[in-house]
C-alpha atoms as a PDB file:
ATOM      1  CA  UNK A   1     116.820 113.437 102.976  1.00  0.00           C
ATOM      2  CA  UNK A   2     117.636 112.808 106.607  1.00  0.00           C
ATOM      3  CA  UNK A   3     119.820 109.785 107.302  1.00  0.00           C
ATOM      4  CA  UNK A   4     118.039 106.976 109.134  1.00  0.00           C
ATOM      5  CA  UNK A   5     119.546 104.931 111.991  1.00  0.00           C
ATOM      6  CA  UNK A   6     116.953 102.191 112.517  1.00  0.00           C
ATOM      7  CA  UNK A   7     114.723 100.344 110.021  1.00  0.00           C
ATOM      8  CA  UNK A   8     111.915  97.930 110.857  1.00  0.00           C
ATOM      9  CA  UNK A   9     110.844  95.416 108.182  1.00  0.00           C
ATOM     10  CA  UNK A  10     107.155  94.436 108.402  1.00  0.00           C
ATOM     11  CA  UNK A  11     105.984  91.507 106.289  1.00  0.00           C
ATOM     12  CA  UNK A  12     102.491  90.673 105.081  1.00  0.00           C
ATOM     13  CA  UNK A  13     100.133  87.720 104.706  1.00  0.00           C
ATOM     14  CA  UNK A  14     102.574  84.947 103.715  1.00  0.00           C
ATOM     15  CA  UNK A  15     105.511  85.860 105.928  1.00  0.00           C
ATOM     16  CA  UNK A  16     108.940  87.286 105.159  1.00  0.00           C
ATOM     17  CA  UNK A  17     109.476  87.713 101.386  1.00  0.00           C
ATOM     18  CA  UNK A  18     112.889  87.075  99.848  1.00  0.00           C
ATOM     19  CA  UNK A  19     113.431  90.753  99.056  1.00  0.00           C
ATOM     20  CA  UNK A  20     113.383  91.551 102.790  1.00  0.00           C
ATOM     21  CA  UNK A  21     116.597  89.581 103.220  1.00  0.00           C
ATOM     22  CA  UNK A  22     118.189  91.692 100.504  1.00  0.00           C
ATOM     23  CA  UNK A  23     116.868  94.871 102.169  1.00  0.00           C
ATOM     24  CA  UNK A  24     118.382  93.815 105.503  1.00  0.00           C
ATOM     25  CA  UNK A  25     121.772  93.093 103.901  1.00  0.00           C
ATOM     26  CA  UNK A  26     121.823  96.379 101.983  1.00  0.00           C
ATOM     27  CA  UNK A  27     120.565  98.498 104.900  1.00  0.00           C
ATOM     28  CA  UNK A  28     123.169  97.086 107.259  1.00  0.00           C
ATOM     29  CA  UNK A  29     125.832  97.831 104.653  1.00  0.00           C
ATOM     30  CA  UNK A  30     124.558 101.425 104.662  1.00  0.00           C
ATOM     31  CA  UNK A  31     125.026 101.607 108.430  1.00  0.00           C
ATOM     32  CA  UNK A  32     121.432 101.038 109.598  1.00  0.00           C
ATOM     33  CA  UNK A  33     120.313  98.871 112.501  1.00  0.00           C
ATOM     34  CA  UNK A  34     117.648  96.528 111.104  1.00  0.00           C
ATOM     35  CA  UNK A  35     114.923  94.443 112.743  1.00  0.00           C
ATOM     36  CA  UNK A  36     113.035  91.805 110.730  1.00  0.00           C
ATOM     37  CA  UNK A  37     110.538  90.205 113.139  1.00  0.00           C
ATOM     38  CA  UNK A  38     108.046  87.477 112.345  1.00  0.00           C
ATOM     39  CA  UNK A  39     104.402  88.574 112.514  1.00  0.00           C
ATOM     40  CA  UNK A  40     101.354  86.255 112.451  1.00  0.00           C
ATOM     41  CA  UNK A  41     100.647  84.774 109.016  1.00  0.00           C
ATOM     42  CA  UNK A  42      97.606  83.522 107.108  1.00  0.00           C
ATOM     43  CA  UNK A  43      94.902  82.133 109.447  1.00  0.00           C
ATOM     44  CA  UNK A  44      96.672  83.520 112.521  1.00  0.00           C
ATOM     45  CA  UNK A  45      96.655  87.151 111.366  1.00  0.00           C
ATOM     46  CA  UNK A  46      94.898  89.607 113.677  1.00  0.00           C
ATOM     47  CA  UNK A  47      95.223  93.264 114.534  1.00  0.00           C
ATOM     48  CA  UNK A  48      96.204  92.345 118.108  1.00  0.00           C
ATOM     49  CA  UNK A  49      98.804  89.892 116.812  1.00  0.00           C
ATOM     50  CA  UNK A  50     100.528  92.618 114.797  1.00  0.00           C
ATOM     51  CA  UNK A  51     100.257  95.101 117.661  1.00  0.00           C
ATOM     52  CA  UNK A  52     101.880  92.635 120.072  1.00  0.00           C
ATOM     53  CA  UNK A  53     104.915  92.321 117.785  1.00  0.00           C
ATOM     54  CA  UNK A  54     105.147  96.092 117.213  1.00  0.00           C
ATOM     55  CA  UNK A  55     105.158  96.550 121.016  1.00  0.00           C
ATOM     56  CA  UNK A  56     108.379  94.513 121.202  1.00  0.00           C
ATOM     57  CA  UNK A  57     110.252  97.092 119.085  1.00  0.00           C
ATOM     58  CA  UNK A  58     109.602 100.512 120.690  1.00  0.00           C
ATOM     59  CA  UNK A  59     113.076 101.737 119.694  1.00  0.00           C
ATOM     60  CA  UNK A  60     112.131 101.399 115.997  1.00  0.00           C
ATOM     61  CA  UNK A  61     109.517 104.145 116.180  1.00  0.00           C
ATOM     62  CA  UNK A  62     110.558 107.802 116.283  1.00  0.00           C
ATOM     63  CA  UNK A  63     112.295 110.617 114.424  1.00  0.00           C
ATOM     64  CA  UNK A  64     115.360 108.588 113.423  1.00  0.00           C
ATOM     65  CA  UNK A  65     113.421 105.508 112.300  1.00  0.00           C
ATOM     66  CA  UNK A  66     111.976 104.125 109.092  1.00  0.00           C
ATOM     67  CA  UNK A  67     109.810 101.139 108.182  1.00  0.00           C
ATOM     68  CA  UNK A  68     109.501  99.048 105.027  1.00  0.00           C
ATOM     69  CA  UNK A  69     106.131  97.321 104.971  1.00  0.00           C
ATOM     70  CA  UNK A  70     104.603  94.747 102.621  1.00  0.00           C
ATOM     71  CA  UNK A  71     100.938  94.245 101.724  1.00  0.00           C
ATOM     72  CA  UNK A  72      98.548  93.692 104.660  1.00  0.00           C
ATOM     73  CA  UNK A  73     101.255  94.876 107.043  1.00  0.00           C
ATOM     74  CA  UNK A  74     100.721  98.426 105.788  1.00  0.00           C
ATOM     75  CA  UNK A  75      97.239  98.749 107.204  1.00  0.00           C
ATOM     76  CA  UNK A  76      98.348  97.109 110.446  1.00  0.00           C
ATOM     77  CA  UNK A  77     101.156  99.642 110.819  1.00  0.00           C
ATOM     78  CA  UNK A  78      98.893 102.655 110.267  1.00  0.00           C
ATOM     79  CA  UNK A  79      96.352 101.277 112.744  1.00  0.00           C
ATOM     80  CA  UNK A  80      99.142 100.857 115.295  1.00  0.00           C
ATOM     81  CA  UNK A  81     100.473 104.382 114.817  1.00  0.00           C
ATOM     82  CA  UNK A  82      96.991 105.859 115.248  1.00  0.00           C
ATOM     83  CA  UNK A  83      96.240 103.706 118.311  1.00  0.00           C
ATOM     84  CA  UNK A  84      99.518 104.565 120.074  1.00  0.00           C
ATOM     85  CA  UNK A  85     100.153 108.091 118.816  1.00  0.00           C
ATOM     86  CA  UNK A  86     103.601 107.044 117.609  1.00  0.00           C
ATOM     87  CA  UNK A  87     105.342 108.412 114.534  1.00  0.00           C
ATOM     88  CA  UNK A  88     108.128 107.771 112.042  1.00  0.00           C
ATOM     89  CA  UNK A  89     110.589 109.691 109.952  1.00  0.00           C
ATOM     90  CA  UNK A  90     110.113 107.599 106.816  1.00  0.00           C
ATOM     91  CA  UNK A  91     107.655 104.963 105.603  1.00  0.00           C
ATOM     92  CA  UNK A  92     108.184 102.769 102.535  1.00  0.00           C
ATOM     93  CA  UNK A  93     105.041 100.918 101.492  1.00  0.00           C
ATOM     94  CA  UNK A  94     105.129  97.907  99.165  1.00  0.00           C
ATOM     95  CA  UNK A  95     101.726  97.014  97.657  1.00  0.00           C
ATOM     96  CA  UNK A  96      99.860  98.989 100.310  1.00  0.00           C
ATOM     97  CA  UNK A  97      96.097  99.409 100.496  1.00  0.00           C
ATOM     98  CA  UNK A  98      93.635 101.257 102.726  1.00  0.00           C
ATOM     99  CA  UNK A  99      90.347  99.519 101.847  1.00  0.00           C
ATOM    100  CA  UNK A 100      89.268  95.866 101.594  1.00  0.00           C
ATOM    101  CA  UNK A 101      88.916  93.984  98.306  1.00  0.00           C
ATOM    102  CA  UNK A 102      88.016  90.431  97.335  1.00  0.00           C
ATOM    103  CA  UNK A 103      90.232  87.848  95.605  1.00  0.00           C
ATOM    104  CA  UNK A 104      88.216  85.041  94.070  1.00  0.00           C
ATOM    105  CA  UNK A 105      88.775  81.667  95.715  1.00  0.00           C
ATOM    106  CA  UNK A 106      90.863  83.080  98.601  1.00  0.00           C
ATOM    107  CA  UNK A 107      88.487  82.957 101.576  1.00  0.00           C
ATOM    108  CA  UNK A 108      91.096  83.209 104.330  1.00  0.00           C
ATOM    109  CA  UNK A 109      92.953  85.999 102.559  1.00  0.00           C
ATOM    110  CA  UNK A 110      89.681  87.905 102.057  1.00  0.00           C
ATOM    111  CA  UNK A 111      88.836  87.517 105.738  1.00  0.00           C
ATOM    112  CA  UNK A 112      92.172  89.048 106.737  1.00  0.00           C
ATOM    113  CA  UNK A 113      92.079  91.789 104.091  1.00  0.00           C
ATOM    114  CA  UNK A 114      88.705  92.819 105.536  1.00  0.00           C
ATOM    115  CA  UNK A 115      90.570  93.839 108.708  1.00  0.00           C
ATOM    116  CA  UNK A 116      92.206  96.640 106.709  1.00  0.00           C
ATOM    117  CA  UNK A 117      89.515  99.258 106.335  1.00  0.00           C
ATOM    118  CA  UNK A 118      91.342 102.342 107.518  1.00  0.00           C
ATOM    119  CA  UNK A 119      89.245 105.093 109.065  1.00  0.00           C
ATOM    120  CA  UNK A 120      89.598 108.750 108.194  1.00  0.00           C
ATOM    121  CA  UNK A 121      91.236 109.324 111.598  1.00  0.00           C
ATOM    122  CA  UNK A 122      93.817 106.590 110.944  1.00  0.00           C
ATOM    123  CA  UNK A 123      94.629 108.022 107.518  1.00  0.00           C
ATOM    124  CA  UNK A 124      94.895 111.569 108.851  1.00  0.00           C
ATOM    125  CA  UNK A 125      97.208 110.430 111.633  1.00  0.00           C
ATOM    126  CA  UNK A 126      99.498 108.877 109.023  1.00  0.00           C
ATOM    127  CA  UNK A 127      99.755 112.236 107.251  1.00  0.00           C
ATOM    128  CA  UNK A 128     100.885 114.019 110.408  1.00  0.00           C
ATOM    129  CA  UNK A 129     102.813 111.301 112.266  1.00  0.00           C
ATOM    130  CA  UNK A 130     105.025 110.228 109.346  1.00  0.00           C
ATOM    131  CA  UNK A 131     107.428 112.789 107.932  1.00  0.00           C
ATOM    132  CA  UNK A 132     107.913 111.121 104.510  1.00  0.00           C
ATOM    133  CA  UNK A 133     105.895 108.355 102.856  1.00  0.00           C
ATOM    134  CA  UNK A 134     106.791 106.530  99.623  1.00  0.00           C
ATOM    135  CA  UNK A 135     104.368 103.980  98.179  1.00  0.00           C
ATOM    136  CA  UNK A 136     105.728 101.437  95.693  1.00  0.00           C
ATOM    137  CA  UNK A 137     103.304  99.457  93.541  1.00  0.00           C
ATOM    138  CA  UNK A 138     103.237  97.539  90.274  1.00  0.00           C
ATOM    139  CA  UNK A 139     101.067  97.372  87.183  1.00  0.00           C
ATOM    140  CA  UNK A 140     100.710  93.583  87.404  1.00  0.00           C
ATOM    141  CA  UNK A 141      99.894  92.922  91.062  1.00  0.00           C
ATOM    142  CA  UNK A 142      97.840  89.694  91.138  1.00  0.00           C
ATOM    143  CA  UNK A 143      96.374  90.399  94.599  1.00  0.00           C
ATOM    144  CA  UNK A 144      95.563  94.087  95.082  1.00  0.00           C
ATOM    145  CA  UNK A 145      93.461  95.868  92.427  1.00  0.00           C
ATOM    146  CA  UNK A 146      95.468  98.413  90.458  1.00  0.00           C
ATOM    147  CA  UNK A 147      93.133 101.315  91.261  1.00  0.00           C
ATOM    148  CA  UNK A 148      93.394 100.515  94.979  1.00  0.00           C
ATOM    149  CA  UNK A 149      97.196 100.625  94.740  1.00  0.00           C
ATOM    150  CA  UNK A 150      97.089 103.942  92.881  1.00  0.00           C
ATOM    151  CA  UNK A 151      94.805 105.503  95.474  1.00  0.00           C
ATOM    152  CA  UNK A 152      96.864 104.504  98.514  1.00  0.00           C
ATOM    153  CA  UNK A 153      99.559 107.231  98.308  1.00  0.00           C
ATOM    154  CA  UNK A 154      96.860 109.867  97.827  1.00  0.00           C
ATOM    155  CA  UNK A 155      95.039 108.688 100.956  1.00  0.00           C
ATOM    156  CA  UNK A 156      98.132 108.978 103.174  1.00  0.00           C
ATOM    157  CA  UNK A 157      99.777 112.003 101.548  1.00  0.00           C
ATOM    158  CA  UNK A 158     102.625 109.928 100.133  1.00  0.00           C
ATOM    159  CA  UNK A 159     104.654 109.756  96.940  1.00  0.00           C
ATOM    160  CA  UNK A 160     103.514 106.986  94.593  1.00  0.00           C
ATOM    161  CA  UNK A 161     106.280 105.083  92.782  1.00  0.00           C
ATOM    162  CA  UNK A 162     105.320 102.738  89.963  1.00  0.00           C
ATOM    163  CA  UNK A 163     107.712  99.887  89.155  1.00  0.00           C
ATOM    164  CA  UNK A 164     106.531  97.833  86.212  1.00  0.00           C
ATOM    165  CA  UNK A 165     106.227  94.039  86.180  1.00  0.00           C
ATOM    166  CA  UNK A 166     107.178  93.170  89.761  1.00  0.00           C
ATOM    167  CA  UNK A 167     103.801  91.708  90.755  1.00  0.00           C
ATOM    168  CA  UNK A 168     102.780  91.727  94.421  1.00  0.00           C
ATOM    169  CA  UNK A 169     106.444  91.634  95.508  1.00  0.00           C
ATOM    170  CA  UNK A 170     105.846  88.558  97.655  1.00  0.00           C
ATOM    171  CA  UNK A 171     106.815  84.912  97.297  1.00  0.00           C
ATOM    172  CA  UNK A 172     104.980  84.336  94.008  1.00  0.00           C
ATOM    173  CA  UNK A 173     106.724  87.285  92.321  1.00  0.00           C
ATOM    174  CA  UNK A 174     110.071  85.501  92.706  1.00  0.00           C
ATOM    175  CA  UNK A 175     111.946  88.742  93.436  1.00  0.00           C
ATOM    176  CA  UNK A 176     115.278  88.464  95.181  1.00  0.00           C
ATOM    177  CA  UNK A 177     116.228  92.152  94.843  1.00  0.00           C
ATOM    178  CA  UNK A 178     114.345  95.438  94.550  1.00  0.00           C
ATOM    179  CA  UNK A 179     116.900  98.185  93.835  1.00  0.00           C
ATOM    180  CA  UNK A 180     116.257 101.609  95.318  1.00  0.00           C
ATOM    181  CA  UNK A 181     114.267 100.612  98.385  1.00  0.00           C
ATOM    182  CA  UNK A 182     117.148 100.305 100.855  1.00  0.00           C
ATOM    183  CA  UNK A 183     118.600 103.602  99.641  1.00  0.00           C
ATOM    184  CA  UNK A 184     115.223 105.311 100.004  1.00  0.00           C
ATOM    185  CA  UNK A 185     114.671 103.958 103.502  1.00  0.00           C
ATOM    186  CA  UNK A 186     118.163 104.877 104.694  1.00  0.00           C
ATOM    187  CA  UNK A 187     118.126 108.375 103.218  1.00  0.00           C
ATOM    188  CA  UNK A 188     120.902 107.902 100.657  1.00  0.00           C
ATOM    189  CA  UNK A 189     118.744 108.303  97.539  1.00  0.00           C
ATOM    190  CA  UNK A 190     119.543 111.102  95.106  1.00  0.00           C
ATOM    191  CA  UNK A 191     116.591 113.035  93.665  1.00  0.00           C
ATOM    192  CA  UNK A 192     116.137 114.407  90.170  1.00  0.00           C
ATOM    193  CA  UNK A 193     113.272 116.795  89.393  1.00  0.00           C
ATOM    194  CA  UNK A 194     111.682 117.714  86.065  1.00  0.00           C
ATOM    195  CA  UNK A 195     108.649 119.820  85.184  1.00  0.00           C
ATOM    196  CA  UNK A 196     106.656 119.796  81.963  1.00  0.00           C
ATOM    197  CA  UNK A 197     103.338 120.276  80.196  1.00  0.00           C
ATOM    198  CA  UNK A 198     100.670 117.963  78.834  1.00  0.00           C
ATOM    199  CA  UNK A 199      99.453 120.117  75.944  1.00  0.00           C
ATOM    200  CA  UNK A 200      95.926 119.749  74.602  1.00  0.00           C
ATOM    201  CA  UNK A 201      94.809 121.571  71.451  1.00  0.00           C
ATOM    202  CA  UNK A 202      91.286 122.916  70.831  1.00  0.00           C
ATOM    203  CA  UNK A 203      90.131 119.414  69.828  1.00  0.00           C
ATOM    204  CA  UNK A 204      91.713 117.852  72.943  1.00  0.00           C
ATOM    205  CA  UNK A 205      94.407 116.128  70.947  1.00  0.00           C
ATOM    206  CA  UNK A 206      97.601 115.835  72.986  1.00  0.00           C
ATOM    207  CA  UNK A 207     101.155 116.696  71.980  1.00  0.00           C
ATOM    208  CA  UNK A 208     103.594 113.806  72.267  1.00  0.00           C
ATOM    209  CA  UNK A 209     107.289 114.034  71.494  1.00  0.00           C
ATOM    210  CA  UNK A 210     109.727 111.283  70.592  1.00  0.00           C
ATOM    211  CA  UNK A 211     112.363 112.118  73.182  1.00  0.00           C
ATOM    212  CA  UNK A 212     116.074 111.315  72.876  1.00  0.00           C
ATOM    213  CA  UNK A 213     117.629 110.446  76.224  1.00  0.00           C
ATOM    214  CA  UNK A 214     121.225 111.161  77.216  1.00  0.00           C
ATOM    215  CA  UNK A 215     122.019 107.502  76.498  1.00  0.00           C
ATOM    216  CA  UNK A 216     120.432 107.741  73.051  1.00  0.00           C
ATOM    217  CA  UNK A 217     117.235 105.850  73.931  1.00  0.00           C
ATOM    218  CA  UNK A 218     114.050 107.041  72.220  1.00  0.00           C
ATOM    219  CA  UNK A 219     110.582 107.034  73.740  1.00  0.00           C
ATOM    220  CA  UNK A 220     107.268 108.890  73.552  1.00  0.00           C
ATOM    221  CA  UNK A 221     106.781 111.449  76.317  1.00  0.00           C
ATOM    222  CA  UNK A 222     105.579 114.948  77.149  1.00  0.00           C
ATOM    223  CA  UNK A 223     107.876 118.015  77.014  1.00  0.00           C
ATOM    224  CA  UNK A 224     109.748 118.470  80.295  1.00  0.00           C
ATOM    225  CA  UNK A 225     113.070 119.510  81.783  1.00  0.00           C
ATOM    226  CA  UNK A 226     114.994 120.536  84.878  1.00  0.00           C
ATOM    227  CA  UNK A 227     114.276 123.584  87.013  1.00  0.00           C
ATOM    228  CA  UNK A 228     116.573 126.578  86.923  1.00  0.00           C
ATOM    229  CA  UNK A 229     117.403 128.705  89.965  1.00  0.00           C
ATOM    230  CA  UNK A 230     114.532 130.916  91.067  1.00  0.00           C
ATOM    231  CA  UNK A 231     111.882 129.232  88.910  1.00  0.00           C
ATOM    232  CA  UNK A 232     108.548 127.895  90.061  1.00  0.00           C
ATOM    233  CA  UNK A 233     107.377 124.494  88.817  1.00  0.00           C
ATOM    234  CA  UNK A 234     104.907 126.203  86.447  1.00  0.00           C
ATOM    235  CA  UNK A 235     107.592 128.516  85.044  1.00  0.00           C
ATOM    236  CA  UNK A 236     109.903 125.579  84.368  1.00  0.00           C
ATOM    237  CA  UNK A 237     107.121 123.633  82.638  1.00  0.00           C
ATOM    238  CA  UNK A 238     106.281 126.588  80.360  1.00  0.00           C
ATOM    239  CA  UNK A 239     109.937 127.370  79.565  1.00  0.00           C
ATOM    240  CA  UNK A 240     110.852 123.764  78.811  1.00  0.00           C
ATOM    241  CA  UNK A 241     107.848 123.410  76.503  1.00  0.00           C
ATOM    242  CA  UNK A 242     108.962 126.487  74.562  1.00  0.00           C
ATOM    243  CA  UNK A 243     112.544 125.211  74.322  1.00  0.00           C
ATOM    244  CA  UNK A 244     111.701 121.656  73.264  1.00  0.00           C
ATOM    245  CA  UNK A 245     108.794 122.138  70.841  1.00  0.00           C
ATOM    246  CA  UNK A 246     108.583 125.912  70.263  1.00  0.00           C
ATOM    247  CA  UNK A 247     105.089 126.424  71.698  1.00  0.00           C
ATOM    248  CA  UNK A 248     103.844 129.134  74.025  1.00  0.00           C
ATOM    249  CA  UNK A 249     101.364 127.595  76.447  1.00  0.00           C
ATOM    250  CA  UNK A 250      99.011 128.506  79.268  1.00  0.00           C
ATOM    251  CA  UNK A 251      98.529 126.137  82.200  1.00  0.00           C
ATOM    252  CA  UNK A 252      94.816 125.444  82.696  1.00  0.00           C
ATOM    253  CA  UNK A 253      95.030 123.170  85.759  1.00  0.00           C
ATOM    254  CA  UNK A 254      97.300 124.212  88.632  1.00  0.00           C
ATOM    255  CA  UNK A 255      97.083 120.751  90.226  1.00  0.00           C
ATOM    256  CA  UNK A 256      99.977 118.798  88.786  1.00  0.00           C
ATOM    257  CA  UNK A 257     100.004 115.189  87.617  1.00  0.00           C
ATOM    258  CA  UNK A 258     103.154 113.618  89.023  1.00  0.00           C
ATOM    259  CA  UNK A 259     105.196 110.558  88.019  1.00  0.00           C
ATOM    260  CA  UNK A 260     107.929 109.042  90.177  1.00  0.00           C
ATOM    261  CA  UNK A 261     110.319 106.275  89.182  1.00  0.00           C
ATOM    262  CA  UNK A 262     113.796 104.951  89.911  1.00  0.00           C
ATOM    263  CA  UNK A 263     116.822 105.462  87.665  1.00  0.00           C
ATOM    264  CA  UNK A 264     120.378 104.100  87.684  1.00  0.00           C
ATOM    265  CA  UNK A 265     119.649 100.858  89.552  1.00  0.00           C
ATOM    266  CA  UNK A 266     117.635 102.646  92.205  1.00  0.00           C
ATOM    267  CA  UNK A 267     120.261 105.206  93.168  1.00  0.00           C
ATOM    268  CA  UNK A 268     118.161 108.101  91.800  1.00  0.00           C
ATOM    269  CA  UNK A 269     114.446 108.782  92.263  1.00  0.00           C
ATOM    270  CA  UNK A 270     113.152 110.800  89.320  1.00  0.00           C
ATOM    271  CA  UNK A 271     110.159 113.020  90.115  1.00  0.00           C
ATOM    272  CA  UNK A 272     108.278 114.492  87.160  1.00  0.00           C
ATOM    273  CA  UNK A 273     105.722 117.266  87.754  1.00  0.00           C
ATOM    274  CA  UNK A 274     103.362 117.925  84.828  1.00  0.00           C
ATOM    275  CA  UNK A 275     100.588 120.436  84.162  1.00  0.00           C
ATOM    276  CA  UNK A 276      97.722 120.314  81.688  1.00  0.00           C
ATOM    277  CA  UNK A 277      98.105 123.271  79.305  1.00  0.00           C
ATOM    278  CA  UNK A 278      96.726 124.819  76.109  1.00  0.00           C
ATOM    279  CA  UNK A 279      98.711 126.442  73.272  1.00  0.00           C
ATOM    280  CA  UNK A 280      98.679 130.233  73.099  1.00  0.00           C
ATOM    281  CA  UNK A 281      98.915 131.542  69.547  1.00  0.00           C
ATOM    282  CA  UNK A 282     100.564 129.433  66.847  1.00  0.00           C
ATOM    283  CA  UNK A 283     100.685 125.634  67.090  1.00  0.00           C
ATOM    284  CA  UNK A 284     103.579 125.354  64.639  1.00  0.00           C
ATOM    285  CA  UNK A 285     106.210 123.109  66.175  1.00  0.00           C
ATOM    286  CA  UNK A 286     109.928 123.993  66.294  1.00  0.00           C
ATOM    287  CA  UNK A 287     111.797 121.057  67.735  1.00  0.00           C
ATOM    288  CA  UNK A 288     114.969 121.082  69.803  1.00  0.00           C
ATOM    289  CA  UNK A 289     116.817 118.650  67.535  1.00  0.00           C
ATOM    290  CA  UNK A 290     119.311 117.324  70.081  1.00  0.00           C
ATOM    291  CA  UNK A 291     116.531 116.259  72.474  1.00  0.00           C
ATOM    292  CA  UNK A 292     113.425 115.690  70.338  1.00  0.00           C
ATOM    293  CA  UNK A 293     113.357 113.421  67.289  1.00  0.00           C
ATOM    294  CA  UNK A 294     109.751 114.165  66.315  1.00  0.00           C
ATOM    295  CA  UNK A 295     106.529 115.511  67.819  1.00  0.00           C
ATOM    296  CA  UNK A 296     102.891 115.777  66.830  1.00  0.00           C
ATOM    297  CA  UNK A 297      99.380 116.200  68.154  1.00  0.00           C
ATOM    298  CA  UNK A 298      97.360 112.975  68.332  1.00  0.00           C
ATOM    299  CA  UNK A 299      94.265 111.619  70.033  1.00  0.00           C
ATOM    300  CA  UNK A 300      94.587 110.628  73.677  1.00  0.00           C
ATOM    301  CA  UNK A 301      93.801 107.040  72.711  1.00  0.00           C
ATOM    302  CA  UNK A 302      96.624 106.974  70.151  1.00  0.00           C
ATOM    303  CA  UNK A 303      98.980 108.568  72.665  1.00  0.00           C
ATOM    304  CA  UNK A 304      98.153 105.885  75.211  1.00  0.00           C
ATOM    305  CA  UNK A 305      98.796 103.180  72.644  1.00  0.00           C
ATOM    306  CA  UNK A 306     102.167 104.686  71.657  1.00  0.00           C
ATOM    307  CA  UNK A 307     103.308 105.325  75.239  1.00  0.00           C
ATOM    308  CA  UNK A 308     106.402 103.299  76.081  1.00  0.00           C
ATOM    309  CA  UNK A 309     105.959 103.422  79.863  1.00  0.00           C
ATOM    310  CA  UNK A 310     103.076 102.551  82.150  1.00  0.00           C
ATOM    311  CA  UNK A 311     103.360 105.849  84.041  1.00  0.00           C
ATOM    312  CA  UNK A 312     102.759 107.736  80.767  1.00  0.00           C
ATOM    313  CA  UNK A 313      99.588 105.713  80.227  1.00  0.00           C
ATOM    314  CA  UNK A 314      98.477 106.482  83.795  1.00  0.00           C
ATOM    315  CA  UNK A 315      99.028 110.184  83.125  1.00  0.00           C
ATOM    316  CA  UNK A 316      96.884 110.043  79.980  1.00  0.00           C
ATOM    317  CA  UNK A 317      94.125 108.264  81.919  1.00  0.00           C
ATOM    318  CA  UNK A 318      94.173 111.010  84.551  1.00  0.00           C
ATOM    319  CA  UNK A 319      94.027 113.732  81.900  1.00  0.00           C
ATOM    320  CA  UNK A 320      90.930 112.061  80.450  1.00  0.00           C
ATOM    321  CA  UNK A 321      89.328 111.877  83.866  1.00  0.00           C
ATOM    322  CA  UNK A 322      90.090 115.490  84.805  1.00  0.00           C
ATOM    323  CA  UNK A 323      88.944 116.847  81.447  1.00  0.00           C
ATOM    324  CA  UNK A 324      85.849 114.647  81.270  1.00  0.00           C
ATOM    325  CA  UNK A 325      86.964 113.053  77.986  1.00  0.00           C
END
């Protein structure tokens, strides 16, 4: 990642959230110049109001700049970039959305959310004008619908990062820290890549393994592992499946299903690339004892119930959708 010199913090509907103060502290400690302006809030929110504030910070747009943006501010930023032709090196979205939604009993909020209905031109500009986009969202956001959050990174060509149980990340969430965000914005994050297979048998049962982590933790997952020099993602996924569970497989969908999440207090961003595959030949399992405690084929519904992490459940849901199950 390129190191970033300037970071602009853009708040949403209710003003500056507590985590922004932590971001500013951490970013400045990492050597970044940080601006945390006040934008219009609640009834006073307008597209022009956001644009007027953005216009006061021209030095925070460009190839050495990043932004961290919360909630409704995300749509305002993308509208501004498209309207001005400006760009960014890196964009960190918190609870971003591209289409309106309705929250029961929140008339003013709904009126302002309706301003964020990004056009195809605005979304396409984001893909070309921003070098790297990372979209952080939670499974328990009380404002933005979960499906809307999931779709946002796809619409802007970004990397979706699920962090469980952090709500909307605003005042109500009560967060004072969000590890990993300052590192990601500044360009000091380390990346770890793994590739694996989601293996479906002839009855569309899925193979799940009880994985043993380096720390000795155990959790249900799909076979995966790190790339070796000269390998493609598909080759790694096939090799790691053979090593961990003893199966030869054939990838049946070249479009991967990806999971991204922070490790080690946000210092590492783990990116997992997975392919839907079928067994070739025998389905007898031969487990790599030091890494896999047990493994078996099970229904997708049972696998979802056993899954320890939300991103595993999301993966299973996408497999169902792609396979029409």
